[in-house]
């Protein structure tokens, strides 16, 4: 049929009649396909000729409107040496949009950067693009503004000193990574969580953009790390799901690549034919919902690649899993009436083959398992925070409150600080060290340096309690900026941070702290004391903003730790029926 498309002089009607008999397809449908292939071939030929003569590349741009389900296709011509912003401008002009930044272009699974040339981003003549429009007059605000706010919130939370986000596996055990990879992966996972919330609202445009941003973060991680966790597999699976929901077949090569990544990762995690998973959790495990979606998407991609037999096999395999994962609505309602969340009830019923009594036990055991794992991992998490601080030159941080706790128990302040530094602020271990090795600990202490009274007065004027301020100065060896950092890191709630901001703001209004004499330069290394006030205020406000960003991020997220496994499978069932139907035609 492709050969016929390149022969415009042949009669399409005659070819359609011939292929109709050979393939068992309606003649009118055959004719439509032949003409479409013919047009595409002629268009690509013309684009190649124009590219050779003028240097202008032609992009086949598919715009999908997720709100009304419509798709429009247009050709855009642009020099490959131009920046991505130029391509945005051309598309915006063609679509009669007000501003170019309302256009988000996606090529081969990556968002086109406005600040790099098209050549540098490996775009080519005749390449197909997806375009997502971020209109300023959207009911929920401009899409690109929402994406920017989400990114800013995730970055603020990840950067917070309050450890608002920590990584753990599905059983509640902590996952420890080098600081840079930990930050990148946490950021990517934050984007994924918000993308999943957008997918639940069926806002696949927003979800796709967030998932591609997460993909960029994941790419900063070591490849071996990505191979060892299933988050990257789920990311790729979700991206292809968004492609499908946006009805974007132009990204088939990228979809095929991502599904291959997902399948390889599942095999590493779950074993060949998922044997390891089934041996551990049984064939009713909730992870089978992900396997079903993978098989369904593979079948859809194979169908569009015209591999009908392979597509049929994948779709049939998906259908078998789907039938086994169906949950009885009456049983689900019964568990919900008992007070359980819909998500945990559905997962429990799938895991227990529809047995309500076992499902109740499953939910209770799951909650207890998470509670125990997080309780047991408390010391490990503290050790990880030490490791991260070492890598960022913060390994000497000592919690002033813990110093106060130990001094109230009767231990000498300097010894208490040294013990906490060695035990990474673990009070119980510090007590043991003080009781068993106090002599060795004392010998290792540097020459005693008394707390500078002027610096202590400055911290007291900032509103810090005297015992904590004294402990911070001793630990920081009378370096005021480090001492204030220690004190701010010891604050454990948003309310206390807000009180600190209020106190320091009021102090700033009244005027600078009065520091005179020889200690003035020592106080802030030659800077005026107003510098100290501004620095404390800025850091405290950043932590307050992190708490507020955390609240915004969690506003539309579920509290279920396994929500990524909770697929109702209604859309999957509809798609399965649709593509089975297409294969039968």
Protein backbone atom coordinates (compact mmCIF):
# COMPACT_ATOMS: atom_id res chain seq x y z
CA UNK A 1 0.00 0.00 0.00
CA UNK A 2 2.91 2.36 0.66
CA UNK A 3 4.14 1.57 -2.88
CA UNK A 4 0.75 2.58 -4.26
CA UNK A 5 0.85 5.86 -2.34
CA UNK A 6 4.01 6.86 -4.19
CA UNK A 7 2.34 6.30 -7.57
CA UNK A 8 -0.12 9.22 -7.86
CA UNK A 9 -0.78 8.40 -11.51
CA UNK A 10 -2.53 5.13 -10.51
CA UNK A 11 -6.29 5.16 -10.04
CA UNK A 12 -7.01 5.14 -6.25
CA UNK A 13 -10.45 3.65 -6.86
CA UNK A 14 -9.03 0.66 -8.76
CA UNK A 15 -6.33 0.12 -6.10
CA UNK A 16 -8.94 0.35 -3.35
CA UNK A 17 -11.07 -2.32 -5.01
CA UNK A 18 -8.05 -4.63 -5.38
CA UNK A 19 -6.90 -4.22 -1.78
CA UNK A 20 -10.47 -4.50 -0.54
CA UNK A 21 -10.69 -8.01 -1.92
CA UNK A 22 -7.19 -9.03 -0.74
CA UNK A 23 -7.51 -7.60 2.79
CA UNK A 24 -11.24 -8.05 3.39
CA UNK A 25 -11.67 -4.31 4.08
CA UNK A 26 -14.46 -2.06 2.85
CA UNK A 27 -13.50 -0.46 -0.52
CA UNK A 28 -14.41 3.07 0.57
CA UNK A 29 -12.17 2.75 3.65
CA UNK A 30 -9.35 1.39 1.50
CA UNK A 31 -9.66 4.35 -0.84
CA UNK A 32 -9.51 6.81 2.07
CA UNK A 33 -6.32 5.19 3.40
CA UNK A 34 -4.66 5.14 -0.04
CA UNK A 35 -5.39 8.82 -0.63
CA UNK A 36 -4.12 9.73 2.85
CA UNK A 37 -0.89 7.79 2.29
CA UNK A 38 -0.53 9.44 -1.08
CA UNK A 39 -0.98 12.93 0.39
CA UNK A 40 1.48 12.24 3.19
CA UNK A 41 4.12 10.96 0.80
CA UNK A 42 3.73 13.98 -1.49
CA UNK A 43 3.82 16.36 1.50
CA UNK A 44 7.04 14.81 2.83
CA UNK A 45 8.60 14.93 -0.64
CA UNK A 46 7.72 18.62 -0.96
CA UNK A 47 9.09 19.32 2.53
CA UNK A 48 12.40 17.62 1.71
CA UNK A 49 12.70 19.63 -1.49
CA UNK A 50 11.96 22.90 0.31
CA UNK A 51 14.43 22.06 3.08
CA UNK A 52 17.15 21.45 0.46
CA UNK A 53 16.39 24.68 -1.38
CA UNK A 54 15.65 27.10 1.51
CA UNK A 55 16.93 25.44 4.70
CA UNK A 56 13.49 25.69 6.28
CA UNK A 57 12.39 22.56 8.12
CA UNK A 58 8.73 21.53 8.07
CA UNK A 59 7.15 20.34 11.31
CA UNK A 60 3.89 18.43 11.40
CA UNK A 61 2.25 19.92 14.49
CA UNK A 62 -0.61 18.13 16.18
CA UNK A 63 -2.66 20.22 18.54
CA UNK A 64 -4.91 18.26 20.88
CA UNK A 65 -7.67 20.00 22.81
CA UNK A 66 -8.20 17.77 25.82
CA UNK A 67 -11.33 19.63 26.87
CA UNK A 68 -13.45 18.98 23.79
CA UNK A 69 -11.59 15.98 22.37
CA UNK A 70 -10.71 17.65 19.06
CA UNK A 71 -7.43 17.37 17.15
CA UNK A 72 -6.04 19.74 14.54
CA UNK A 73 -2.92 19.35 12.41
CA UNK A 74 -0.89 22.12 10.83
CA UNK A 75 2.46 22.47 9.07
CA UNK A 76 4.98 24.96 10.50
CA UNK A 77 8.21 25.94 8.73
CA UNK A 78 11.23 27.08 10.71
CA UNK A 79 15.01 27.23 10.36
CA UNK A 80 16.69 24.59 12.51
CA UNK A 81 19.27 27.17 13.58
CA UNK A 82 16.56 29.22 15.28
CA UNK A 83 15.85 29.04 18.99
CA UNK A 84 12.90 27.08 20.29
CA UNK A 85 11.22 30.40 21.13
CA UNK A 86 11.03 31.18 17.40
CA UNK A 87 9.12 27.96 16.76
CA UNK A 88 6.77 28.90 19.59
CA UNK A 89 6.21 32.30 17.99
CA UNK A 90 5.39 30.78 14.60
CA UNK A 91 2.91 28.32 16.09
CA UNK A 92 1.31 31.03 18.22
CA UNK A 93 0.89 33.24 15.15
CA UNK A 94 -0.64 30.37 13.16
CA UNK A 95 -3.11 29.62 15.95
CA UNK A 96 -3.78 33.35 16.52
CA UNK A 97 -2.67 33.23 20.14
CA UNK A 98 -1.74 36.33 22.10
CA UNK A 99 1.65 35.24 23.44
CA UNK A 100 4.25 32.71 22.33
CA UNK A 101 4.81 31.40 25.84
CA UNK A 102 1.26 30.01 25.73
CA UNK A 103 2.67 27.31 23.44
CA UNK A 104 4.40 24.20 24.83
CA UNK A 105 5.97 21.98 22.17
CA UNK A 106 6.84 18.32 22.76
CA UNK A 107 9.12 16.35 20.44
CA UNK A 108 10.26 12.75 20.96
CA UNK A 109 9.24 12.83 24.61
CA UNK A 110 10.94 16.11 25.55
CA UNK A 111 9.64 19.64 26.04
CA UNK A 112 11.32 21.92 23.51
CA UNK A 113 13.37 24.55 25.32
CA UNK A 114 12.83 28.14 24.13
CA UNK A 115 16.47 28.99 24.90
CA UNK A 116 18.28 26.41 22.74
CA UNK A 117 18.43 25.99 18.96
CA UNK A 118 16.28 23.38 17.29
CA UNK A 119 19.41 21.67 15.99
CA UNK A 120 20.87 21.44 19.50
CA UNK A 121 17.62 19.80 20.61
CA UNK A 122 17.96 17.25 17.77
CA UNK A 123 14.85 18.33 15.88
CA UNK A 124 14.72 17.32 12.23
CA UNK A 125 12.84 18.15 9.06
CA UNK A 126 9.46 16.41 8.78
CA UNK A 127 9.37 15.72 12.53
CA UNK A 128 6.02 15.47 14.26
CA UNK A 129 5.32 17.57 17.37
CA UNK A 130 2.62 17.78 20.03
CA UNK A 131 1.47 21.25 21.00
CA UNK A 132 -0.22 22.03 24.30
CA UNK A 133 -1.79 25.47 24.59
CA UNK A 134 -1.62 27.24 27.95
CA UNK A 135 -4.31 29.87 27.51
CA UNK A 136 -4.33 32.88 29.82
CA UNK A 137 -8.13 32.73 30.04
CA UNK A 138 -8.29 29.12 31.30
CA UNK A 139 -10.84 28.72 34.06
CA UNK A 140 -8.19 27.44 36.45
CA UNK A 141 -5.55 29.94 35.43
CA UNK A 142 -2.88 29.68 32.78
CA UNK A 143 -1.45 26.18 32.51
CA UNK A 144 2.13 27.37 32.32
CA UNK A 145 1.57 29.50 35.45
CA UNK A 146 0.25 26.46 37.32
CA UNK A 147 3.21 24.38 36.18
CA UNK A 148 5.62 27.14 37.30
CA UNK A 149 3.97 27.34 40.74
CA UNK A 150 4.08 23.57 41.18
CA UNK A 151 7.77 23.50 40.25
CA UNK A 152 8.55 26.34 42.66
CA UNK A 153 6.66 24.60 45.49
CA UNK A 154 8.39 21.26 44.91
CA UNK A 155 11.81 22.90 44.83
CA UNK A 156 11.08 24.85 48.04
CA UNK A 157 9.97 21.70 49.86
CA UNK A 158 12.93 19.63 48.69
CA UNK A 159 15.39 22.39 49.65
CA UNK A 160 13.86 22.89 53.10
CA UNK A 161 16.02 22.18 56.13
CA UNK A 162 12.92 20.76 57.85
CA UNK A 163 13.08 17.44 55.96
CA UNK A 164 9.48 17.83 54.74
CA UNK A 165 10.03 15.17 52.09
CA UNK A 166 11.94 11.95 52.62
CA UNK A 167 12.24 8.91 50.43
CA UNK A 168 10.99 5.50 51.43
CA UNK A 169 10.06 2.25 49.73
CA UNK A 170 6.54 0.84 49.51
CA UNK A 171 6.96 -0.85 52.90
CA UNK A 172 7.89 2.39 54.69
CA UNK A 173 11.64 1.73 54.87
CA UNK A 174 13.94 4.70 54.18
CA UNK A 175 15.81 4.92 50.88
CA UNK A 176 19.25 6.55 51.13
CA UNK A 177 20.95 8.23 48.18
CA UNK A 178 23.82 10.68 47.64
CA UNK A 179 22.59 14.28 48.17
CA UNK A 180 22.52 15.38 44.53
CA UNK A 181 20.66 12.29 43.35
CA UNK A 182 18.40 12.43 46.39
CA UNK A 183 17.43 16.02 45.52
CA UNK A 184 16.85 15.22 41.83
CA UNK A 185 14.80 12.12 42.57
CA UNK A 186 12.71 13.84 45.27
CA UNK A 187 12.02 16.72 42.88
CA UNK A 188 11.03 14.31 40.11
CA UNK A 189 8.79 12.34 42.46
CA UNK A 190 7.12 15.57 43.59
CA UNK A 191 6.28 16.36 39.95
CA UNK A 192 5.00 12.80 39.48
CA UNK A 193 2.64 13.11 42.45
CA UNK A 194 1.12 16.31 41.07
CA UNK A 195 0.93 14.74 37.61
CA UNK A 196 -0.98 11.78 39.05
CA UNK A 197 -3.44 14.20 40.67
CA UNK A 198 -3.90 15.90 37.27
CA UNK A 199 -4.49 12.50 35.63
CA UNK A 200 -7.22 11.75 38.17
CA UNK A 201 -8.89 15.01 37.05
CA UNK A 202 -8.34 13.84 33.46
CA UNK A 203 -6.22 16.92 32.81
CA UNK A 204 -3.72 15.04 30.67
CA UNK A 205 -2.07 18.14 29.23
CA UNK A 206 -0.92 19.32 32.66
CA UNK A 207 -0.01 15.76 33.64
CA UNK A 208 2.14 15.24 30.54
CA UNK A 209 4.06 18.47 31.05
CA UNK A 210 4.76 17.61 34.70
CA UNK A 211 5.83 14.06 33.82
CA UNK A 212 8.26 15.33 31.20
CA UNK A 213 9.68 17.76 33.77
CA UNK A 214 10.09 14.78 36.12
CA UNK A 215 11.83 12.87 33.33
CA UNK A 216 14.40 15.67 33.12
CA UNK A 217 15.05 15.36 36.87
CA UNK A 218 15.34 11.58 36.71
CA UNK A 219 17.90 11.92 33.92
CA UNK A 220 20.24 13.57 36.47
CA UNK A 221 20.34 10.31 38.43
CA UNK A 222 22.75 7.46 37.87
CA UNK A 223 21.44 4.97 35.31
CA UNK A 224 22.03 2.07 37.71
CA UNK A 225 19.84 3.80 40.26
CA UNK A 226 17.03 4.22 37.74
CA UNK A 227 17.29 0.54 36.88
CA UNK A 228 16.96 -0.46 40.54
CA UNK A 229 13.73 1.43 41.35
CA UNK A 230 10.31 1.09 39.73
CA UNK A 231 9.52 4.84 39.92
CA UNK A 232 11.19 5.39 36.56
CA UNK A 233 9.18 2.55 35.05
CA UNK A 234 5.96 4.11 36.36
CA UNK A 235 7.00 7.52 35.01
CA UNK A 236 7.39 6.11 31.50
CA UNK A 237 4.13 4.18 31.77
CA UNK A 238 2.28 7.34 32.83
CA UNK A 239 3.78 9.38 29.97
CA UNK A 240 2.54 6.83 27.42
CA UNK A 241 -0.87 6.77 29.12
CA UNK A 242 -1.07 10.55 28.64
CA UNK A 243 -0.08 10.17 24.96
CA UNK A 244 -2.93 7.72 24.54
CA UNK A 245 -5.48 9.85 26.40
CA UNK A 246 -4.49 12.83 24.25
CA UNK A 247 -4.94 10.58 21.18
CA UNK A 248 -1.46 11.43 20.01
CA UNK A 249 -0.23 8.67 17.68
CA UNK A 250 2.52 10.97 16.38
CA UNK A 251 4.63 10.03 19.42
CA UNK A 252 4.49 6.29 18.72
CA UNK A 253 8.32 5.88 18.53
CA UNK A 254 8.74 7.52 21.92
CA UNK A 255 5.81 5.54 23.35
CA UNK A 256 7.37 2.28 22.11
CA UNK A 257 10.73 3.21 23.67
CA UNK A 258 9.19 4.12 27.02
CA UNK A 259 7.09 0.96 27.22
CA UNK A 260 10.25 -1.08 26.58
CA UNK A 261 11.95 0.70 29.49
CA UNK A 262 8.95 -0.02 31.69
CA UNK A 263 8.83 -3.71 30.73
CA UNK A 264 12.56 -4.19 31.38
CA UNK A 265 12.24 -2.54 34.79
CA UNK A 266 9.24 -4.69 35.72
CA UNK A 267 11.15 -7.83 34.76
CA UNK A 268 14.10 -6.79 36.95
CA UNK A 269 11.81 -6.01 39.88
CA UNK A 270 9.21 -8.75 39.51
CA UNK A 271 11.08 -11.54 37.72
CA UNK A 272 10.56 -13.15 34.31
CA UNK A 273 6.82 -13.46 33.65
CA UNK A 274 6.41 -11.72 37.04
CA UNK A 275 7.20 -15.01 38.81
CA UNK A 276 8.99 -13.36 41.75
CA UNK A 277 6.08 -10.98 42.36
CA UNK A 278 3.48 -13.75 42.24
CA UNK A 279 5.56 -15.97 44.53
CA UNK A 280 5.77 -13.23 47.17
CA UNK A 281 2.31 -11.69 46.95
CA UNK A 282 0.16 -14.07 44.93
CA UNK A 283 -1.58 -13.48 41.61
CA UNK A 284 -4.07 -11.11 43.21
CA UNK A 285 -1.41 -8.51 44.10
CA UNK A 286 -2.35 -4.89 43.31
CA UNK A 287 0.79 -4.49 41.13
CA UNK A 288 -1.06 -6.49 38.47
CA UNK A 289 -3.05 -3.34 37.64
CA UNK A 290 0.21 -1.78 36.37
CA UNK A 291 1.01 -4.94 34.43
CA UNK A 292 -2.44 -4.83 32.85
CA UNK A 293 -2.02 -1.19 31.80
CA UNK A 294 1.42 -1.97 30.34
CA UNK A 295 0.04 -4.87 28.28
CA UNK A 296 -2.89 -2.76 27.11
CA UNK A 297 -0.66 0.10 25.96
CA UNK A 298 1.71 -2.32 24.26
CA UNK A 299 -1.23 -3.78 22.38
CA UNK A 300 -2.41 -0.32 21.30
CA UNK A 301 1.08 0.67 20.08
CA UNK A 302 1.41 -2.63 18.19
CA UNK A 303 -1.97 -2.04 16.56
CA UNK A 304 -0.88 1.37 15.28
CA UNK A 305 2.35 -0.21 14.03
CA UNK A 306 0.13 -2.62 12.03
CA UNK A 307 1.43 -5.64 13.96
CA UNK A 308 -2.08 -7.04 14.33
CA UNK A 309 -1.23 -10.54 15.56
CA UNK A 310 1.12 -9.27 18.26
CA UNK A 311 -1.42 -6.60 19.21
CA UNK A 312 -4.12 -9.26 19.57
CA UNK A 313 -1.92 -11.33 21.91
CA UNK A 314 -1.14 -8.34 24.14
CA UNK A 315 -4.73 -7.20 24.31
CA UNK A 316 -5.92 -10.70 25.18
CA UNK A 317 -3.31 -10.94 27.96
CA UNK A 318 -4.49 -7.55 29.27
CA UNK A 319 -8.11 -8.74 29.14
CA UNK A 320 -7.35 -11.80 31.27
CA UNK A 321 -5.67 -9.69 33.97
CA UNK A 322 -8.48 -7.14 33.85
CA UNK A 323 -11.14 -9.78 34.45
CA UNK A 324 -9.19 -11.10 37.47
CA UNK A 325 -8.79 -7.60 38.95
CA UNK A 326 -12.44 -6.60 38.83
CA UNK A 327 -13.85 -5.73 42.24
CA UNK A 328 -17.42 -6.40 43.36
CA UNK A 329 -19.14 -3.03 43.90
CA UNK A 330 -21.19 -4.30 46.86
CA UNK A 331 -18.08 -5.56 48.64
CA UNK A 332 -16.32 -2.26 47.96
CA UNK A 333 -19.28 -0.32 49.37
CA UNK A 334 -19.34 -2.55 52.46
CA UNK A 335 -15.69 -1.74 53.26
CA UNK A 336 -16.27 1.97 52.66
CA UNK A 337 -19.22 1.88 55.08
CA UNK A 338 -16.84 0.35 57.64
CA UNK A 339 -14.81 3.56 57.43
CA UNK A 340 -12.06 2.56 55.02
CA UNK A 341 -10.97 4.74 52.08
CA UNK A 342 -12.14 3.66 48.62
CA UNK A 343 -8.55 3.30 47.45
CA UNK A 344 -7.38 1.06 50.30
CA UNK A 345 -10.58 -0.96 50.11
CA UNK A 346 -10.18 -1.65 46.39
CA UNK A 347 -6.51 -2.61 46.78
CA UNK A 348 -7.34 -4.92 49.69
CA UNK A 349 -10.14 -6.67 47.81
CA UNK A 350 -7.87 -7.28 44.84
CA UNK A 351 -5.14 -8.62 47.08
CA UNK A 352 -7.56 -10.94 48.90
CA UNK A 353 -9.55 -12.23 45.91
CA UNK A 354 -12.72 -10.48 47.04
CA UNK A 355 -12.75 -11.91 50.58
CA UNK A 356 -14.08 -9.03 52.74
CA UNK A 357 -12.89 -10.44 56.07
CA UNK A 358 -9.37 -11.00 54.76
CA UNK A 359 -9.45 -7.56 53.15
CA UNK A 360 -10.12 -5.92 56.54
CA UNK A 361 -7.18 -7.80 58.04
CA UNK A 362 -5.02 -6.85 55.06
CA UNK A 363 -5.71 -3.13 55.55
CA UNK A 364 -5.02 -3.29 59.29
CA UNK A 365 -1.82 -5.30 58.83
CA UNK A 366 -0.65 -2.91 56.11
CA UNK A 367 -1.10 0.11 58.37
CA UNK A 368 0.73 -1.59 61.23
CA UNK A 369 3.54 -2.68 58.92
CA UNK A 370 4.11 0.91 57.78
CA UNK A 371 3.98 2.17 61.37
CA UNK A 372 6.54 -0.39 62.54
CA UNK A 373 8.87 0.19 59.58
CA UNK A 374 8.90 3.95 60.06
CA UNK A 375 9.45 3.59 63.80
CA UNK A 376 12.34 1.17 63.33
CA UNK A 377 13.94 3.33 60.65
CA UNK A 378 14.11 6.48 62.81
CA UNK A 379 17.79 5.95 63.64
CA UNK A 380 18.60 5.10 60.02
CA UNK A 381 16.97 8.33 58.84
CA UNK A 382 19.09 10.29 61.32
CA UNK A 383 22.21 8.60 59.96
CA UNK A 384 21.17 9.50 56.44
CA UNK A 385 20.73 13.14 57.38
CA UNK A 386 24.27 13.06 58.75
CA UNK A 387 25.55 11.61 55.50
CA UNK A 388 23.80 14.30 53.50
CA UNK A 389 25.21 17.01 55.75
CA UNK A 390 28.71 15.65 55.35
CA UNK A 391 28.35 15.86 51.62
CA UNK A 392 27.17 19.47 51.90
CA UNK A 393 29.70 20.53 54.54
CA UNK A 394 27.13 20.59 57.34
CA UNK A 395 28.33 17.58 59.28
CA UNK A 396 29.11 19.63 62.38
CA UNK A 397 25.52 20.71 63.03
CA UNK A 398 24.39 20.08 66.61
CA UNK A 399 20.78 20.50 67.66
CA UNK A 400 20.74 23.13 70.43
CA UNK A 401 17.59 21.65 71.92
CA UNK A 402 19.30 18.31 72.29
CA UNK A 403 22.22 20.07 74.01
CA UNK A 404 19.74 21.65 76.41
CA UNK A 405 18.15 18.25 77.05
CA UNK A 406 21.52 16.75 77.99
CA UNK A 407 22.58 19.67 80.17
CA UNK A 408 19.27 19.43 82.02
CA UNK A 409 20.22 15.79 82.69
CA UNK A 410 23.42 17.07 84.36
CA UNK A 411 26.01 16.69 81.59
CA UNK A 412 28.55 19.42 80.87
CA UNK A 413 27.49 21.53 77.90
CA UNK A 414 30.67 21.14 75.81
CA UNK A 415 30.78 17.40 76.37
CA UNK A 416 27.09 17.15 75.48
CA UNK A 417 27.67 19.04 72.20
CA UNK A 418 30.64 16.83 71.31
CA UNK A 419 28.66 13.66 72.07
CA UNK A 420 25.76 14.85 69.92
CA UNK A 421 28.12 15.73 67.09
CA UNK A 422 29.56 12.22 67.18
CA UNK A 423 26.17 10.55 67.38
CA UNK A 424 24.53 12.84 64.81
CA UNK A 425 22.13 14.36 67.33
CA UNK A 426 20.89 11.00 68.60
CA UNK A 427 20.18 11.80 72.25
CA UNK A 428 20.03 8.17 73.44
CA UNK A 429 23.36 7.29 71.86
CA UNK A 430 24.89 10.55 73.11
CA UNK A 431 23.87 9.67 76.70
CA UNK A 432 25.48 6.25 76.31
CA UNK A 433 28.65 7.83 74.96
CA UNK A 434 28.79 10.34 77.83
CA UNK A 435 28.33 7.59 80.39
CA UNK A 436 30.90 5.18 78.96
CA UNK A 437 33.56 7.32 77.22
CA UNK A 438 33.44 10.74 78.83
CA UNK A 439 37.20 10.82 79.52
CA UNK A 440 38.14 10.11 75.89
CA UNK A 441 35.50 12.57 74.76
CA UNK A 442 36.91 15.30 77.02
CA UNK A 443 40.47 14.72 75.75
CA UNK A 444 39.29 15.20 72.17
CA UNK A 445 37.70 18.58 72.87
CA UNK A 446 39.44 21.68 71.48
CA UNK A 447 40.69 24.29 73.87
CA UNK A 448 37.77 25.74 75.77
CA UNK A 449 36.37 28.96 74.33
CA UNK A 450 33.89 30.87 76.41
CA UNK A 451 30.71 32.19 74.83
CA UNK A 452 31.08 35.76 73.61
CA UNK A 453 28.70 37.85 75.72
CA UNK A 454 28.06 40.38 72.95
CA UNK A 455 27.17 37.65 70.46
CA UNK A 456 24.95 35.98 73.04
CA UNK A 457 23.17 39.31 73.58
CA UNK A 458 22.61 39.59 69.83
CA UNK A 459 20.96 36.17 69.69
CA UNK A 460 18.83 37.00 72.71
CA UNK A 461 17.66 40.21 71.01
CA UNK A 462 16.72 38.08 68.00
CA UNK A 463 14.38 36.23 70.35
CA UNK A 464 16.20 32.94 70.86
CA UNK A 465 16.15 31.31 74.31
CA UNK A 466 19.37 31.72 76.29
CA UNK A 467 20.17 27.99 76.84
CA UNK A 468 19.73 27.23 73.12
CA UNK A 469 21.62 30.38 72.07
CA UNK A 470 24.51 29.58 74.39
CA UNK A 471 24.65 25.99 73.11
CA UNK A 472 24.61 27.20 69.50
CA UNK A 473 27.49 29.64 70.05
CA UNK A 474 29.56 27.00 71.78
CA UNK A 475 28.96 24.53 68.98
CA UNK A 476 29.70 27.17 66.34
CA UNK A 477 32.79 28.42 68.17
CA UNK A 478 31.33 31.95 68.47
CA UNK A 479 30.63 32.27 64.75
CA UNK A 480 27.38 34.14 64.77
CA UNK A 481 26.05 33.27 61.32
CA UNK A 482 26.63 29.55 61.91
CA UNK A 483 25.02 29.82 65.33
CA UNK A 484 21.85 31.36 63.86
CA UNK A 485 21.77 28.62 61.22
CA UNK A 486 21.91 26.00 63.95
CA UNK A 487 19.11 27.70 65.88
CA UNK A 488 16.86 28.01 62.82
CA UNK A 489 17.39 24.37 61.87
CA UNK A 490 16.30 23.34 65.36
CA UNK A 491 12.85 24.93 64.89
CA UNK A 492 10.37 22.12 64.37
CA UNK A 493 7.05 23.72 63.42
CA UNK A 494 5.61 26.35 61.11
CA UNK A 495 4.05 28.12 64.08
CA UNK A 496 7.42 28.60 65.78
CA UNK A 497 8.94 29.80 62.51
CA UNK A 498 6.17 32.37 62.10
CA UNK A 499 6.81 33.61 65.63
CA UNK A 500 10.50 33.97 64.79
CA UNK A 501 9.69 35.93 61.62
CA UNK A 502 7.36 38.20 63.58
CA UNK A 503 9.97 38.87 66.29
CA UNK A 504 12.81 39.58 63.86
CA UNK A 505 10.58 41.74 61.64
CA UNK A 506 9.63 43.84 64.64
CA UNK A 507 13.28 44.10 65.59
CA UNK A 508 14.14 45.28 62.07
CA UNK A 509 11.55 48.04 62.38
CA UNK A 510 12.95 49.23 65.70
CA UNK A 511 16.49 49.40 64.37
CA UNK A 512 19.65 47.33 64.27
CA UNK A 513 21.09 45.40 67.17
CA UNK A 514 23.70 47.48 68.91
CA UNK A 515 27.03 45.76 68.82
CA UNK A 516 30.10 47.78 69.64
CA UNK A 517 33.69 47.37 70.59
CA UNK A 518 35.99 44.71 69.26
CA UNK A 519 33.24 42.14 68.88
CA UNK A 520 31.37 44.11 66.20
CA UNK A 521 33.43 42.82 63.29
CA UNK A 522 33.36 39.34 64.79
CA UNK A 523 29.57 39.42 64.97
CA UNK A 524 28.97 39.38 61.26
CA UNK A 525 32.47 39.29 59.81
CA UNK A 526 32.70 43.06 59.29
CA UNK A 527 29.13 43.51 58.02
CA UNK A 528 26.72 45.82 59.90
CA UNK A 529 24.29 44.14 62.28
CA UNK A 530 21.40 44.92 59.93
CA UNK A 531 22.95 42.23 57.72
CA UNK A 532 22.44 39.71 60.52
CA UNK A 533 18.78 40.66 60.95
CA UNK A 534 18.12 40.41 57.21
CA UNK A 535 19.92 37.06 56.96
CA UNK A 536 17.91 35.51 59.81
CA UNK A 537 14.69 36.95 58.45
CA UNK A 538 15.38 35.68 54.95
CA UNK A 539 16.19 32.14 56.12
CA UNK A 540 13.20 31.97 58.45
CA UNK A 541 10.86 33.20 55.72
CA UNK A 542 12.26 30.60 53.31
CA UNK A 543 11.41 27.83 55.79
CA UNK A 544 7.91 29.28 56.34
CA UNK A 545 7.40 29.31 52.57
CA UNK A 546 8.53 25.69 52.43
CA UNK A 547 5.83 24.73 54.94
CA UNK A 548 3.21 26.65 52.94
CA UNK A 549 4.44 25.10 49.68
CA UNK A 550 4.11 21.67 51.30
CA UNK A 551 0.47 22.42 52.16
CA UNK A 552 -0.27 23.56 48.60
CA UNK A 553 1.36 20.46 47.13
CA UNK A 554 -0.69 18.18 49.36
CA UNK A 555 -3.99 19.97 48.77
CA UNK A 556 -5.10 17.60 45.98
CA UNK A 557 -3.03 14.54 46.87
CA UNK A 558 -4.37 11.42 48.53
CA UNK A 559 -3.04 10.12 51.83
CA UNK A 560 -2.88 6.56 50.54
CA UNK A 561 0.69 5.34 50.25
CA UNK A 562 -0.22 2.93 47.40
CA UNK A 563 -2.43 5.26 45.37
CA UNK A 564 -0.26 4.65 42.29
CA UNK A 565 -1.54 1.06 42.33
CA UNK A 566 -5.18 2.06 42.72
CA UNK A 567 -6.37 2.05 39.12
CA UNK A 568 -10.17 1.77 38.84
CA UNK A 569 -9.52 0.26 35.36
CA UNK A 570 -12.70 1.76 33.86
CA UNK A 571 -10.83 3.60 31.10
CA UNK A 572 -8.69 0.54 30.50
CA UNK A 573 -11.80 -1.59 30.03
CA UNK A 574 -13.24 0.87 27.51
CA UNK A 575 -9.97 1.04 25.55
CA UNK A 576 -9.63 -2.72 25.53
CA UNK A 577 -13.11 -3.08 24.03
CA UNK A 578 -12.40 -0.32 21.50
CA UNK A 579 -9.18 -1.88 20.17
CA UNK A 580 -10.57 -5.39 20.19
CA UNK A 581 -13.33 -4.02 18.02
CA UNK A 582 -10.83 -2.41 15.65
CA UNK A 583 -8.92 -5.67 15.30
CA UNK A 584 -12.10 -7.51 14.39
CA UNK A 585 -12.93 -5.10 11.56
